[in-house]
Protein backbone atom coordinates (compact mmCIF):
# COMPACT_ATOMS: atom_id res chain seq x y z
CA UNK A 1 16.64 -67.18 52.89
CA UNK A 2 16.29 -65.00 55.98
CA UNK A 3 15.71 -61.29 55.36
CA UNK A 4 14.90 -58.25 57.52
CA UNK A 5 11.70 -56.81 56.07
CA UNK A 6 9.39 -53.82 56.32
CA UNK A 7 6.17 -55.73 55.84
CA UNK A 8 3.53 -53.07 56.55
CA UNK A 9 3.28 -49.33 56.98
CA UNK A 10 4.19 -48.56 60.57
CA UNK A 11 7.02 -48.81 63.06
CA UNK A 12 9.20 -51.92 63.19
CA UNK A 13 10.70 -54.69 61.11
CA UNK A 14 10.27 -58.45 60.79
CA UNK A 15 12.41 -61.47 59.98
CA UNK A 16 10.90 -63.29 57.03
CA UNK A 17 11.82 -66.31 54.95
CA UNK A 18 11.85 -65.19 51.31
CA UNK A 19 13.01 -66.82 48.06
CA UNK A 20 16.69 -66.61 47.17
CA UNK A 21 16.95 -64.10 44.25
CA UNK A 22 18.25 -65.27 40.90
CA UNK A 23 20.66 -63.09 38.90
CA UNK A 24 19.44 -62.02 35.46
CA UNK A 25 21.48 -60.77 32.53
CA UNK A 26 24.24 -58.43 33.70
CA UNK A 27 23.55 -59.21 37.34
CA UNK A 28 25.46 -60.90 40.17
CA UNK A 29 24.20 -62.77 43.23
CA UNK A 30 26.18 -62.02 46.38
CA UNK A 31 26.23 -63.88 49.69
CA UNK A 32 26.18 -61.08 52.25
CA UNK A 33 28.71 -61.41 55.09
CA UNK A 34 28.49 -58.06 56.92
CA UNK A 35 26.15 -55.09 56.62
CA UNK A 36 25.69 -51.82 58.48
CA UNK A 37 22.62 -50.13 59.93
CA UNK A 38 22.33 -46.63 58.51
CA UNK A 39 20.37 -43.64 59.74
CA UNK A 40 18.14 -44.16 56.69
CA UNK A 41 17.32 -47.66 57.93
CA UNK A 42 16.40 -46.17 61.30
CA UNK A 43 14.07 -43.66 59.62
CA UNK A 44 12.32 -46.58 57.84
CA UNK A 45 12.17 -48.58 61.09
CA UNK A 46 10.54 -45.61 62.85
CA UNK A 47 8.30 -44.99 59.83
CA UNK A 48 8.72 -41.22 59.84
CA UNK A 49 7.20 -38.76 57.38
CA UNK A 50 10.04 -39.23 54.86
CA UNK A 51 9.67 -43.03 54.91
CA UNK A 52 5.92 -42.81 54.49
CA UNK A 53 6.37 -40.77 51.33
CA UNK A 54 9.15 -42.88 49.82
CA UNK A 55 9.06 -46.53 50.91
CA UNK A 56 6.47 -49.02 49.71
CA UNK A 57 6.23 -52.18 51.85
CA UNK A 58 6.85 -55.06 51.65
CA UNK A 59 10.57 -54.57 51.07
CA UNK A 60 13.93 -55.65 52.49
CA UNK A 61 16.03 -53.21 54.51
CA UNK A 62 19.67 -52.20 54.02
CA UNK A 63 22.16 -50.66 51.62
CA UNK A 64 25.59 -50.95 53.32
CA UNK A 65 27.28 -54.33 52.86
CA UNK A 66 30.16 -56.52 51.85
CA UNK A 67 29.87 -60.08 50.62
CA UNK A 68 31.13 -62.76 48.28
CA UNK A 69 30.06 -63.34 44.68
CA UNK A 70 28.20 -66.65 44.49
CA UNK A 71 26.91 -66.71 40.90
CA UNK A 72 26.78 -64.44 37.88
CA UNK A 73 24.12 -63.92 35.25
CA UNK A 74 24.54 -64.02 31.48
CA UNK A 75 26.95 -61.46 30.10
CA UNK A 76 28.92 -60.90 33.32
CA UNK A 77 32.65 -61.39 32.74
CA UNK A 78 34.37 -59.08 35.22
CA UNK A 79 33.36 -60.91 38.41
CA UNK A 80 33.78 -64.51 39.46
CA UNK A 81 32.40 -66.72 42.25
CA UNK A 82 34.34 -66.32 45.50
CA UNK A 83 35.31 -62.68 44.85
CA UNK A 84 34.74 -60.21 47.73
CA UNK A 85 32.71 -57.15 46.74
CA UNK A 86 30.81 -54.19 48.08
CA UNK A 87 28.41 -52.18 45.93
CA UNK A 88 27.11 -48.71 45.18
CA UNK A 89 23.52 -48.77 46.35
CA UNK A 90 22.17 -46.23 43.83
CA UNK A 91 21.11 -48.07 40.69
CA UNK A 92 21.00 -45.49 37.92
CA UNK A 93 19.64 -45.38 34.37
CA UNK A 94 23.14 -45.04 32.86
CA UNK A 95 21.98 -42.96 29.88
CA UNK A 96 20.75 -39.59 31.15
CA UNK A 97 22.87 -36.41 30.99
CA UNK A 98 23.95 -36.86 34.63
CA UNK A 99 25.02 -40.48 34.27
CA UNK A 100 26.89 -39.76 31.03
CA UNK A 101 28.62 -36.74 32.55
CA UNK A 102 30.00 -38.69 35.52
CA UNK A 103 27.28 -37.43 37.91
CA UNK A 104 25.32 -40.64 38.35
CA UNK A 105 24.61 -39.74 41.97
CA UNK A 106 22.25 -37.05 40.58
CA UNK A 107 20.35 -39.40 38.22
CA UNK A 108 16.65 -38.66 38.47
CA UNK A 109 15.79 -42.30 37.77
CA UNK A 110 18.06 -43.73 40.48
CA UNK A 111 16.62 -46.53 42.62
CA UNK A 112 18.22 -47.12 46.03
CA UNK A 113 18.53 -50.61 47.46
CA UNK A 114 16.80 -50.92 50.83
CA UNK A 115 14.59 -47.94 49.93
CA UNK A 116 13.15 -48.30 46.43
CA UNK A 117 13.94 -52.02 45.95
CA UNK A 118 14.98 -54.94 48.12
CA UNK A 119 18.17 -54.30 50.08
CA UNK A 120 21.04 -56.17 51.69
CA UNK A 121 19.73 -57.18 55.15
CA UNK A 122 19.44 -60.72 53.81
CA UNK A 123 21.55 -63.77 53.21
CA UNK A 124 21.80 -62.97 49.47
CA UNK A 125 21.31 -59.92 47.27
CA UNK A 126 21.30 -59.52 43.49
CA UNK A 127 22.98 -56.38 42.11
CA UNK A 128 23.87 -55.10 38.62
CA UNK A 129 27.49 -56.01 37.91
CA UNK A 130 28.25 -52.36 37.10
CA UNK A 131 27.47 -51.37 40.69
CA UNK A 132 29.92 -53.81 42.28
CA UNK A 133 33.19 -52.70 43.83
CA UNK A 134 35.94 -55.34 44.18
CA UNK A 135 37.27 -55.27 47.73
CA UNK A 136 41.04 -55.42 48.27
CA UNK A 137 42.28 -58.21 50.54
CA UNK A 138 43.87 -55.65 52.88
CA UNK A 139 40.44 -54.16 53.74
CA UNK A 140 38.63 -56.23 56.41
CA UNK A 141 34.90 -56.86 56.27
CA UNK A 142 34.18 -54.43 59.14
CA UNK A 143 35.55 -51.62 56.94
CA UNK A 144 34.44 -52.91 53.56
CA UNK A 145 30.82 -53.01 54.72
CA UNK A 146 31.06 -49.24 55.32
CA UNK A 147 32.19 -48.04 51.89
CA UNK A 148 28.78 -46.38 51.56
CA UNK A 149 28.72 -44.20 54.74
CA UNK A 150 32.45 -43.50 54.71
CA UNK A 151 31.86 -42.44 51.08
CA UNK A 152 29.14 -40.05 52.23
CA UNK A 153 31.63 -38.47 54.61
CA UNK A 154 34.31 -38.38 51.93
CA UNK A 155 31.96 -36.68 49.44
CA UNK A 156 30.97 -34.08 52.04
CA UNK A 157 34.58 -33.27 52.95
CA UNK A 158 35.78 -33.21 49.35
CA UNK A 159 33.14 -30.75 48.08
CA UNK A 160 35.69 -28.04 48.87
CA UNK A 161 39.31 -27.90 49.84
CA UNK A 162 39.86 -28.33 53.57
CA UNK A 163 43.67 -28.03 53.34
CA UNK A 164 44.91 -25.56 55.96
CA UNK A 165 41.28 -24.75 56.83
CA UNK A 166 39.48 -24.74 60.16
CA UNK A 167 36.64 -27.26 59.90
CA UNK A 168 33.47 -27.47 62.00
CA UNK A 169 31.40 -30.66 61.92
CA UNK A 170 27.85 -30.35 63.25
CA UNK A 171 26.38 -33.74 64.13
CA UNK A 172 28.50 -36.67 65.31
CA UNK A 173 26.54 -39.58 64.00
CA UNK A 174 28.57 -42.17 62.15
CA UNK A 175 29.05 -40.06 59.02
CA UNK A 176 29.96 -36.96 61.02
CA UNK A 177 32.50 -39.00 62.98
CA UNK A 178 33.96 -40.52 59.83
CA UNK A 179 34.45 -36.97 58.48
CA UNK A 180 36.84 -36.11 61.32
CA UNK A 181 39.82 -38.32 60.26
CA UNK A 182 38.98 -37.73 56.57
CA UNK A 183 39.32 -33.96 57.08
CA UNK A 184 42.63 -34.41 58.91
CA UNK A 185 43.89 -36.70 56.14
CA UNK A 186 43.07 -33.97 53.60
CA UNK A 187 45.16 -31.36 55.40
CA UNK A 188 42.74 -29.58 57.74
CA UNK A 189 44.31 -27.13 60.17
CA UNK A 190 41.77 -28.05 62.87
CA UNK A 191 38.56 -30.07 63.21
CA UNK A 192 35.93 -29.32 65.87
CA UNK A 193 32.60 -31.04 66.43
CA UNK A 194 29.16 -29.97 67.74
CA UNK A 195 27.07 -32.83 69.14
CA UNK A 196 24.40 -33.03 71.91
CA UNK A 197 25.18 -36.65 72.89
CA UNK A 198 28.05 -36.80 75.41
CA UNK A 199 29.00 -40.37 74.39
CA UNK A 200 29.37 -39.29 70.77
CA UNK A 201 31.36 -36.22 71.78
CA UNK A 202 33.80 -38.53 73.56
CA UNK A 203 34.12 -40.68 70.45
CA UNK A 204 34.71 -37.58 68.33
CA UNK A 205 37.60 -36.57 70.57
CA UNK A 206 38.99 -40.12 70.41
CA UNK A 207 38.80 -39.90 66.60
CA UNK A 208 40.85 -36.70 66.53
CA UNK A 209 38.49 -33.77 66.98
CA UNK A 210 40.34 -30.82 68.50
CA UNK A 211 37.29 -29.97 70.63
CA UNK A 212 33.73 -31.28 70.91
CA UNK A 213 31.01 -28.86 71.94
CA UNK A 214 27.53 -29.35 73.40
CA UNK A 215 25.00 -27.24 71.45
CA UNK A 216 23.12 -26.65 74.73
CA UNK A 217 26.12 -24.76 76.11
CA UNK A 218 25.05 -21.06 76.27
CA UNK A 219 28.65 -20.05 75.50
CA UNK A 220 29.09 -22.37 72.52
CA UNK A 221 29.41 -19.56 69.96
CA UNK A 222 32.18 -17.83 71.93
CA UNK A 223 33.97 -21.17 72.46
CA UNK A 224 33.92 -22.04 68.77
CA UNK A 225 35.19 -18.57 67.84
CA UNK A 226 37.98 -18.94 70.38
CA UNK A 227 38.88 -22.37 68.96
CA UNK A 228 39.08 -20.92 65.46
CA UNK A 229 41.22 -17.89 66.20
CA UNK A 230 38.30 -15.48 66.45
CA UNK A 231 37.42 -15.75 62.75
CA UNK A 232 35.11 -18.71 62.84
CA UNK A 233 35.52 -21.94 60.86
CA UNK A 234 36.39 -21.80 57.18
CA UNK A 235 34.38 -24.94 56.34
CA UNK A 236 31.11 -26.22 57.81
CA UNK A 237 30.19 -29.89 57.41
CA UNK A 238 26.52 -30.06 58.47
CA UNK A 239 25.66 -33.70 59.25
CA UNK A 240 22.80 -33.39 61.75
CA UNK A 241 19.85 -32.07 59.79
CA UNK A 242 18.97 -29.95 62.83
CA UNK A 243 17.86 -26.43 61.88
CA UNK A 244 19.50 -24.99 65.02
CA UNK A 245 22.85 -26.53 64.11
CA UNK A 246 22.61 -25.27 60.55
CA UNK A 247 21.88 -21.73 61.72
CA UNK A 248 24.67 -21.86 64.30
CA UNK A 249 27.17 -23.15 61.75
CA UNK A 250 26.27 -20.55 59.14
CA UNK A 251 26.32 -17.74 61.70
CA UNK A 252 29.83 -18.67 62.85
CA UNK A 253 31.23 -19.57 59.42
CA UNK A 254 33.91 -17.11 58.32
CA UNK A 255 33.10 -14.73 55.49
CA UNK A 256 33.72 -16.42 52.16
CA UNK A 257 33.47 -19.84 53.80
CA UNK A 258 32.02 -23.06 52.43
CA UNK A 259 29.22 -25.18 53.90
CA UNK A 260 28.52 -28.76 52.78
CA UNK A 261 25.08 -29.93 53.83
CA UNK A 262 24.48 -33.67 54.15
CA UNK A 263 22.09 -33.82 57.14
CA UNK A 264 18.41 -34.16 56.17
CA UNK A 265 16.05 -31.77 58.02
CA UNK A 266 12.80 -33.18 59.39
CA UNK A 267 10.83 -30.49 57.55
CA UNK A 268 11.17 -27.07 55.98
CA UNK A 269 13.96 -24.92 57.42
CA UNK A 270 13.77 -21.15 57.60
CA UNK A 271 16.98 -19.15 57.23
CA UNK A 272 17.83 -15.47 57.13
CA UNK A 273 19.61 -15.83 53.79
CA UNK A 274 20.61 -12.19 53.57
CA UNK A 275 22.47 -12.20 56.89
CA UNK A 276 23.69 -15.80 57.05
CA UNK A 277 24.66 -16.46 53.41
CA UNK A 278 24.44 -13.63 50.89
CA UNK A 279 26.18 -10.78 52.73
CA UNK A 280 28.82 -13.23 54.01
CA UNK A 281 29.63 -14.48 50.53
CA UNK A 282 29.19 -18.12 51.52
CA UNK A 283 29.10 -21.11 49.19
CA UNK A 284 26.59 -23.88 50.02
CA UNK A 285 26.98 -27.42 48.69
CA UNK A 286 24.09 -29.86 48.78
CA UNK A 287 25.51 -33.37 49.22
CA UNK A 288 23.73 -36.54 48.18
CA UNK A 289 25.23 -40.02 48.04
CA UNK A 290 28.68 -40.45 46.59
CA UNK A 291 30.20 -39.23 43.34
CA UNK A 292 30.01 -42.32 41.16
CA UNK A 293 32.67 -43.51 41.15
CA UNK A 294 35.30 -40.92 42.06
CA UNK A 295 34.34 -41.09 45.74
CA UNK A 296 34.77 -44.87 45.76
CA UNK A 297 38.42 -44.56 44.68
CA UNK A 298 39.03 -41.91 47.34
CA UNK A 299 37.34 -44.05 50.01
CA UNK A 300 39.30 -47.15 49.05
CA UNK A 301 42.57 -45.28 49.37
CA UNK A 302 41.53 -43.88 52.76
CA UNK A 303 40.44 -47.29 54.12
CA UNK A 304 43.67 -48.91 52.90
CA UNK A 305 45.84 -46.38 54.71
CA UNK A 306 43.69 -45.21 57.62
CA UNK A 307 40.88 -47.77 58.01
CA UNK A 308 41.51 -48.23 61.72
CA UNK A 309 40.75 -44.55 62.30
CA UNK A 310 37.01 -45.27 61.83
CA UNK A 311 36.88 -48.14 64.36
CA UNK A 312 35.82 -46.03 67.39
CA UNK A 313 32.56 -45.14 65.60
CA UNK A 314 31.69 -48.84 65.14
CA UNK A 315 30.21 -49.46 68.54
CA UNK A 316 28.34 -52.77 68.20
CA UNK A 317 28.32 -55.94 66.12
CA UNK A 318 25.25 -58.23 66.16
CA UNK A 319 23.91 -61.24 64.28
CA UNK A 320 21.41 -60.25 61.61
CA UNK A 321 18.57 -61.82 63.60
CA UNK A 322 19.19 -59.30 66.42
CA UNK A 323 18.72 -56.28 64.15
CA UNK A 324 16.06 -54.71 66.39
CA UNK A 325 18.56 -54.54 69.26
CA UNK A 326 20.74 -52.48 66.95
CA UNK A 327 17.87 -50.15 66.07
CA UNK A 328 17.04 -49.63 69.73
CA UNK A 329 20.67 -48.78 70.57
CA UNK A 330 20.77 -46.20 67.79
CA UNK A 331 17.46 -44.71 68.96
CA UNK A 332 18.58 -44.23 72.54
CA UNK A 333 21.99 -42.87 71.53
CA UNK A 334 24.07 -45.61 73.12
CA UNK A 335 25.22 -46.92 69.73
CA UNK A 336 26.61 -45.12 66.69
CA UNK A 337 27.41 -47.51 63.83
CA UNK A 338 26.05 -51.03 64.29
CA UNK A 339 27.26 -53.89 62.09
CA UNK A 340 25.18 -56.97 61.35
CA UNK A 341 26.93 -60.23 60.58
CA UNK A 342 25.76 -63.32 58.73
């Protein structure tokens, strides 16, 4: 089968013909129909410091997908050939205190497809049956392939109540953009966005952001305060990983506010904790993955009722063989979420 592979340490990817995987006990083989390029995939493509410390080539890219069950291994009874499924990409131990307490996303033994083991940028993938998520007929492939990143946005928003709160999103990549309609759906009073890319700011406005600010604007702090009634936002959703955006968001966040941090910094970040957090009485939430599987139920409900609200963030669809074109578009900022079809 054709697969998109990281063959050696260094920038890039390659198309390679690899054996079709066979499902073992408790596993399912899925024919992939649509997958999405994630920021994590771009990090691996660029071979940055994080990738160098985590990924061990050769391996197959990808963790966002939808497909059709083709065959099941011994002991699998819940799924059948022909059934549409997506899947949680974190494969956990299932027996530690976190897994048993409904916090599988914090499992210390978790292996992530496309990072720690072969991923979904291939014609077939084998997954544990317990990780599969049956896809409702009403959810089209272009949405079902994005359960993972929409789930990241859902988890970030749902870490605290946003009902009747002023929300500030810093970073309008795909997940930041997905957070805009999710926050509105959960009762936000207003949602504003900070993003350096003008194209992404336009998309944020199209997806419902009240205002979209350029962090290079010298008056950005005053403008955000004005947009939030002079008090600052009640909730910060930090999606960029940029230290400057984190500091700006915490500085403007209202006393007693909540900050959910999903963006991954490129290195250590220095903060004046006394001024920015402690004396303001802020609550910080570190966000990783999705709550397994509470977030999946929330995301399914959102996609069933408001799936079309995420469409503006899906800016390109390409055949799998043209994956590098998708990476290049994400690098130069002309593309946000790129889908790959098989």
